[in-house]
Amino acid sequence: MSIDRGFITRNDAERARLRALLAGLADADLARPMPAGWTVAGVLGHLAFWDQRMLVLLERLEQSPAPALPAIREADVDWINDAVKPFLLAMPPRQAAELTLATAEAVDAKVAALPDSALERNEAMGRPLLMDRGEHRRAHLPEIEAALRSH
């Protein structure tokens, strides 16, 4: 089986975009409101949360020949995000931003280093782990950029 590792390039590009965005943000920018009661820092924390989930599941994949890797159903995403939202909004904004970048760096390094056998196992299980972490960042970074431009 040929393993497509194009996700590494996409992860690197979106992580660089995240790093550049964060380098120019003041604390007041991080506290700016976003739709649905979120803030820029809260949305960044949201990205960190889902990347951290991925790190935990990757550890399971490495430690077990047949790990229980729960796939996220679309119906579960909203209530999970709603449940974690108050905790993310309670974080100091600068800490949320720093955690987001650190977690992105850690998860991207981990997925880039996965052996083909781990990627093949993920494929065989129906791809419960999204190796393209940049996909989630591509969904939210434009929203953050738009919120920053609108103020």
C-alpha atoms as a PDB file:
ATOM      1  CA  MET A   1       0.000   0.000   0.000  1.00  0.00           C
ATOM      2  CA  SER A   2       1.315   3.417  -0.948  1.00  0.00           C
ATOM      3  CA  ILE A   3       1.025   5.880   1.907  1.00  0.00           C
ATOM      4  CA  ASP A   4       0.210   9.471   1.014  1.00  0.00           C
ATOM      5  CA  ARG A   5       2.121  11.747   3.373  1.00  0.00           C
ATOM      6  CA  GLY A   6       0.865  14.965   1.812  1.00  0.00           C
ATOM      7  CA  PHE A   7      -0.682  15.801   5.176  1.00  0.00           C
ATOM      8  CA  ILE A   8       2.814  16.663   6.448  1.00  0.00           C
ATOM      9  CA  THR A   9       3.146  19.547   3.994  1.00  0.00           C
ATOM     10  CA  ARG A  10      -0.381  20.753   4.740  1.00  0.00           C
ATOM     11  CA  ASN A  11       0.216  20.563   8.504  1.00  0.00           C
ATOM     12  CA  ASP A  12       3.492  22.457   8.161  1.00  0.00           C
ATOM     13  CA  ALA A  13       1.859  25.188   6.081  1.00  0.00           C
ATOM     14  CA  GLU A  14      -1.055  25.729   8.455  1.00  0.00           C
ATOM     15  CA  ARG A  15       1.200  25.616  11.516  1.00  0.00           C
ATOM     16  CA  ALA A  16       3.389  28.300   9.919  1.00  0.00           C
ATOM     17  CA  ARG A  17       0.260  30.328   9.239  1.00  0.00           C
ATOM     18  CA  LEU A  18      -0.777  29.915  12.876  1.00  0.00           C
ATOM     19  CA  ARG A  19       2.691  30.936  14.115  1.00  0.00           C
ATOM     20  CA  ALA A  20       2.694  34.053  11.924  1.00  0.00           C
ATOM     21  CA  LEU A  21      -0.792  35.020  13.066  1.00  0.00           C
ATOM     22  CA  LEU A  22       0.074  34.624  16.741  1.00  0.00           C
ATOM     23  CA  ALA A  23       3.307  36.599  16.393  1.00  0.00           C
ATOM     24  CA  GLY A  24       1.332  39.711  15.530  1.00  0.00           C
ATOM     25  CA  LEU A  25      -1.408  39.494  18.143  1.00  0.00           C
ATOM     26  CA  ALA A  26      -1.620  41.636  21.237  1.00  0.00           C
ATOM     27  CA  ASP A  27      -3.482  40.434  24.309  1.00  0.00           C
ATOM     28  CA  ALA A  28      -6.410  42.690  23.334  1.00  0.00           C
ATOM     29  CA  ASP A  29      -6.583  40.907  19.955  1.00  0.00           C
ATOM     30  CA  LEU A  30      -6.736  37.535  21.671  1.00  0.00           C
ATOM     31  CA  ALA A  31      -9.673  38.729  23.786  1.00  0.00           C
ATOM     32  CA  ARG A  32     -11.705  39.936  20.781  1.00  0.00           C
ATOM     33  CA  PRO A  33     -15.171  38.442  20.484  1.00  0.00           C
ATOM     34  CA  MET A  34     -16.115  35.951  17.825  1.00  0.00           C
ATOM     35  CA  PRO A  35     -19.491  34.445  16.890  1.00  0.00           C
ATOM     36  CA  ALA A  36     -21.455  32.267  19.318  1.00  0.00           C
ATOM     37  CA  GLY A  37     -19.793  33.775  22.397  1.00  0.00           C
ATOM     38  CA  TRP A  38     -16.288  32.644  21.513  1.00  0.00           C
ATOM     39  CA  THR A  39     -13.168  34.809  21.584  1.00  0.00           C
ATOM     40  CA  VAL A  40     -10.062  34.622  19.418  1.00  0.00           C
ATOM     41  CA  ALA A  41      -8.230  32.929  22.311  1.00  0.00           C
ATOM     42  CA  GLY A  42     -11.153  30.572  22.880  1.00  0.00           C
ATOM     43  CA  VAL A  43     -11.106  29.443  19.258  1.00  0.00           C
ATOM     44  CA  LEU A  44      -7.345  28.965  19.506  1.00  0.00           C
ATOM     45  CA  GLY A  45      -7.904  26.878  22.630  1.00  0.00           C
ATOM     46  CA  HIS A  46     -10.480  24.876  20.674  1.00  0.00           C
ATOM     47  CA  LEU A  47      -7.785  24.050  18.105  1.00  0.00           C
ATOM     48  CA  ALA A  48      -5.430  23.036  20.911  1.00  0.00           C
ATOM     49  CA  PHE A  49      -8.093  20.813  22.494  1.00  0.00           C
ATOM     50  CA  TRP A  50      -8.669  18.809  19.308  1.00  0.00           C
ATOM     51  CA  ASP A  51      -4.926  18.548  18.622  1.00  0.00           C
ATOM     52  CA  GLN A  52      -4.407  17.326  22.191  1.00  0.00           C
ATOM     53  CA  ARG A  53      -7.132  14.714  21.685  1.00  0.00           C
ATOM     54  CA  MET A  54      -5.210  13.559  18.629  1.00  0.00           C
ATOM     55  CA  LEU A  55      -1.978  13.289  20.646  1.00  0.00           C
ATOM     56  CA  VAL A  56      -3.704  11.094  23.232  1.00  0.00           C
ATOM     57  CA  LEU A  57      -5.169   8.828  20.563  1.00  0.00           C
ATOM     58  CA  LEU A  58      -1.826   8.591  18.754  1.00  0.00           C
ATOM     59  CA  GLU A  59      -0.288   7.335  21.995  1.00  0.00           C
ATOM     60  CA  ARG A  60      -2.952   4.634  22.108  1.00  0.00           C
ATOM     61  CA  LEU A  61      -2.174   3.726  18.508  1.00  0.00           C
ATOM     62  CA  GLU A  62       1.533   3.384  19.353  1.00  0.00           C
ATOM     63  CA  GLN A  63       0.955   1.368  22.532  1.00  0.00           C
ATOM     64  CA  SER A  64      -1.554  -1.199  21.357  1.00  0.00           C
ATOM     65  CA  PRO A  65      -1.819  -3.465  18.333  1.00  0.00           C
ATOM     66  CA  ALA A  66      -5.626  -3.037  18.386  1.00  0.00           C
ATOM     67  CA  PRO A  67      -6.375   0.233  20.179  1.00  0.00           C
ATOM     68  CA  ALA A  68      -9.843   1.542  20.866  1.00  0.00           C
ATOM     69  CA  LEU A  69      -9.824   4.705  18.782  1.00  0.00           C
ATOM     70  CA  PRO A  70     -13.196   6.375  18.990  1.00  0.00           C
ATOM     71  CA  ALA A  71     -14.254   8.074  15.814  1.00  0.00           C
ATOM     72  CA  ILE A  72     -16.021  11.372  16.321  1.00  0.00           C
ATOM     73  CA  ARG A  73     -19.517  11.372  14.937  1.00  0.00           C
ATOM     74  CA  GLU A  74     -20.675  14.673  13.504  1.00  0.00           C
ATOM     75  CA  ALA A  75     -23.477  14.719  16.081  1.00  0.00           C
ATOM     76  CA  ASP A  76     -20.928  14.616  18.913  1.00  0.00           C
ATOM     77  CA  VAL A  77     -18.779  17.546  17.801  1.00  0.00           C
ATOM     78  CA  ASP A  78     -21.173  20.307  18.835  1.00  0.00           C
ATOM     79  CA  TRP A  79     -21.845  19.053  22.356  1.00  0.00           C
ATOM     80  CA  ILE A  80     -18.141  18.368  22.936  1.00  0.00           C
ATOM     81  CA  ASN A  81     -17.270  21.893  21.799  1.00  0.00           C
ATOM     82  CA  ASP A  82     -20.074  23.351  23.931  1.00  0.00           C
ATOM     83  CA  ALA A  83     -18.904  21.377  26.968  1.00  0.00           C
ATOM     84  CA  VAL A  84     -15.286  22.495  26.709  1.00  0.00           C
ATOM     85  CA  LYS A  85     -16.064  26.102  25.739  1.00  0.00           C
ATOM     86  CA  PRO A  86     -16.346  27.534  29.305  1.00  0.00           C
ATOM     87  CA  PHE A  87     -12.958  26.061  30.210  1.00  0.00           C
ATOM     88  CA  LEU A  88     -11.328  27.463  27.078  1.00  0.00           C
ATOM     89  CA  LEU A  89     -12.820  30.899  27.662  1.00  0.00           C
ATOM     90  CA  ALA A  90     -11.571  30.836  31.269  1.00  0.00           C
ATOM     91  CA  MET A  91      -7.953  30.391  30.177  1.00  0.00           C
ATOM     92  CA  PRO A  92      -5.761  33.482  30.104  1.00  0.00           C
ATOM     93  CA  PRO A  93      -5.757  34.477  26.407  1.00  0.00           C
ATOM     94  CA  ARG A  94      -1.972  34.514  25.981  1.00  0.00           C
ATOM     95  CA  GLN A  95      -1.712  31.079  27.601  1.00  0.00           C
ATOM     96  CA  ALA A  96      -4.344  29.726  25.191  1.00  0.00           C
ATOM     97  CA  ALA A  97      -2.381  31.089  22.226  1.00  0.00           C
ATOM     98  CA  GLU A  98       0.906  29.617  23.447  1.00  0.00           C
ATOM     99  CA  LEU A  99      -0.723  26.260  24.181  1.00  0.00           C
ATOM    100  CA  THR A 100      -2.261  26.198  20.709  1.00  0.00           C
ATOM    101  CA  LEU A 101       1.074  26.605  18.971  1.00  0.00           C
ATOM    102  CA  ALA A 102       2.889  24.177  21.279  1.00  0.00           C
ATOM    103  CA  THR A 103       0.211  21.524  20.796  1.00  0.00           C
ATOM    104  CA  ALA A 104       0.189  22.039  17.021  1.00  0.00           C
ATOM    105  CA  GLU A 105       3.962  21.590  16.951  1.00  0.00           C
ATOM    106  CA  ALA A 106       3.749  18.427  19.054  1.00  0.00           C
ATOM    107  CA  VAL A 107       0.945  16.780  17.095  1.00  0.00           C
ATOM    108  CA  ASP A 108       2.425  17.666  13.721  1.00  0.00           C
ATOM    109  CA  ALA A 109       5.779  16.196  14.721  1.00  0.00           C
ATOM    110  CA  LYS A 110       4.065  13.055  15.993  1.00  0.00           C
ATOM    111  CA  VAL A 111       2.030  12.437  12.844  1.00  0.00           C
ATOM    112  CA  ALA A 112       5.007  13.196  10.605  1.00  0.00           C
ATOM    113  CA  ALA A 113       7.069  10.577  12.438  1.00  0.00           C
ATOM    114  CA  LEU A 114       4.451   7.816  12.316  1.00  0.00           C
ATOM    115  CA  PRO A 115       5.641   4.690  10.560  1.00  0.00           C
ATOM    116  CA  ASP A 116       3.735   3.504   7.522  1.00  0.00           C
ATOM    117  CA  SER A 117       2.377   0.613   9.591  1.00  0.00           C
ATOM    118  CA  ALA A 118       0.575   3.020  11.942  1.00  0.00           C
ATOM    119  CA  LEU A 119      -0.905   4.948   9.019  1.00  0.00           C
ATOM    120  CA  GLU A 120      -2.017   1.665   7.432  1.00  0.00           C
ATOM    121  CA  ARG A 121      -3.692   0.610  10.699  1.00  0.00           C
ATOM    122  CA  ASN A 122      -5.516   3.931  10.851  1.00  0.00           C
ATOM    123  CA  GLU A 123      -6.714   3.411   7.265  1.00  0.00           C
ATOM    124  CA  ALA A 124      -7.828  -0.149   8.022  1.00  0.00           C
ATOM    125  CA  MET A 125      -9.859   1.106  11.018  1.00  0.00           C
ATOM    126  CA  GLY A 126     -11.728   3.569   8.816  1.00  0.00           C
ATOM    127  CA  ARG A 127      -9.464   6.570   9.500  1.00  0.00           C
ATOM    128  CA  PRO A 128     -10.620   7.506  12.997  1.00  0.00           C
ATOM    129  CA  LEU A 129      -7.536   9.727  13.292  1.00  0.00           C
ATOM    130  CA  LEU A 130      -7.268  12.760  11.055  1.00  0.00           C
ATOM    131  CA  MET A 131      -3.594  13.068  10.183  1.00  0.00           C
ATOM    132  CA  ASP A 132      -4.228  16.294   8.257  1.00  0.00           C
ATOM    133  CA  ARG A 133      -4.319  18.577  11.307  1.00  0.00           C
ATOM    134  CA  GLY A 134      -4.084  21.527   8.943  1.00  0.00           C
ATOM    135  CA  GLU A 135      -7.646  20.819   7.834  1.00  0.00           C
ATOM    136  CA  HIS A 136      -9.038  21.970  11.178  1.00  0.00           C
ATOM    137  CA  ARG A 137      -6.755  24.994  11.225  1.00  0.00           C
ATOM    138  CA  ARG A 138      -7.864  25.907   7.686  1.00  0.00           C
ATOM    139  CA  ALA A 139     -11.438  25.952   8.998  1.00  0.00           C
ATOM    140  CA  HIS A 140     -10.771  28.329  11.904  1.00  0.00           C
ATOM    141  CA  LEU A 141      -7.822  30.557  11.030  1.00  0.00           C
ATOM    142  CA  PRO A 142      -9.806  32.461   8.367  1.00  0.00           C
ATOM    143  CA  GLU A 143     -12.566  33.024  10.944  1.00  0.00           C
ATOM    144  CA  ILE A 144     -10.020  34.444  13.377  1.00  0.00           C
ATOM    145  CA  GLU A 145      -8.466  36.619  10.671  1.00  0.00           C
ATOM    146  CA  ALA A 146     -11.915  37.939   9.732  1.00  0.00           C
ATOM    147  CA  ALA A 147     -12.728  38.764  13.368  1.00  0.00           C
ATOM    148  CA  LEU A 148      -9.466  40.639  13.714  1.00  0.00           C
ATOM    149  CA  ARG A 149     -10.091  42.630  10.525  1.00  0.00           C
ATOM    150  CA  SER A 150     -13.610  43.579  11.597  1.00  0.00           C
ATOM    151  CA  HIS A 151     -12.477  45.463  14.705  1.00  0.00           C
END
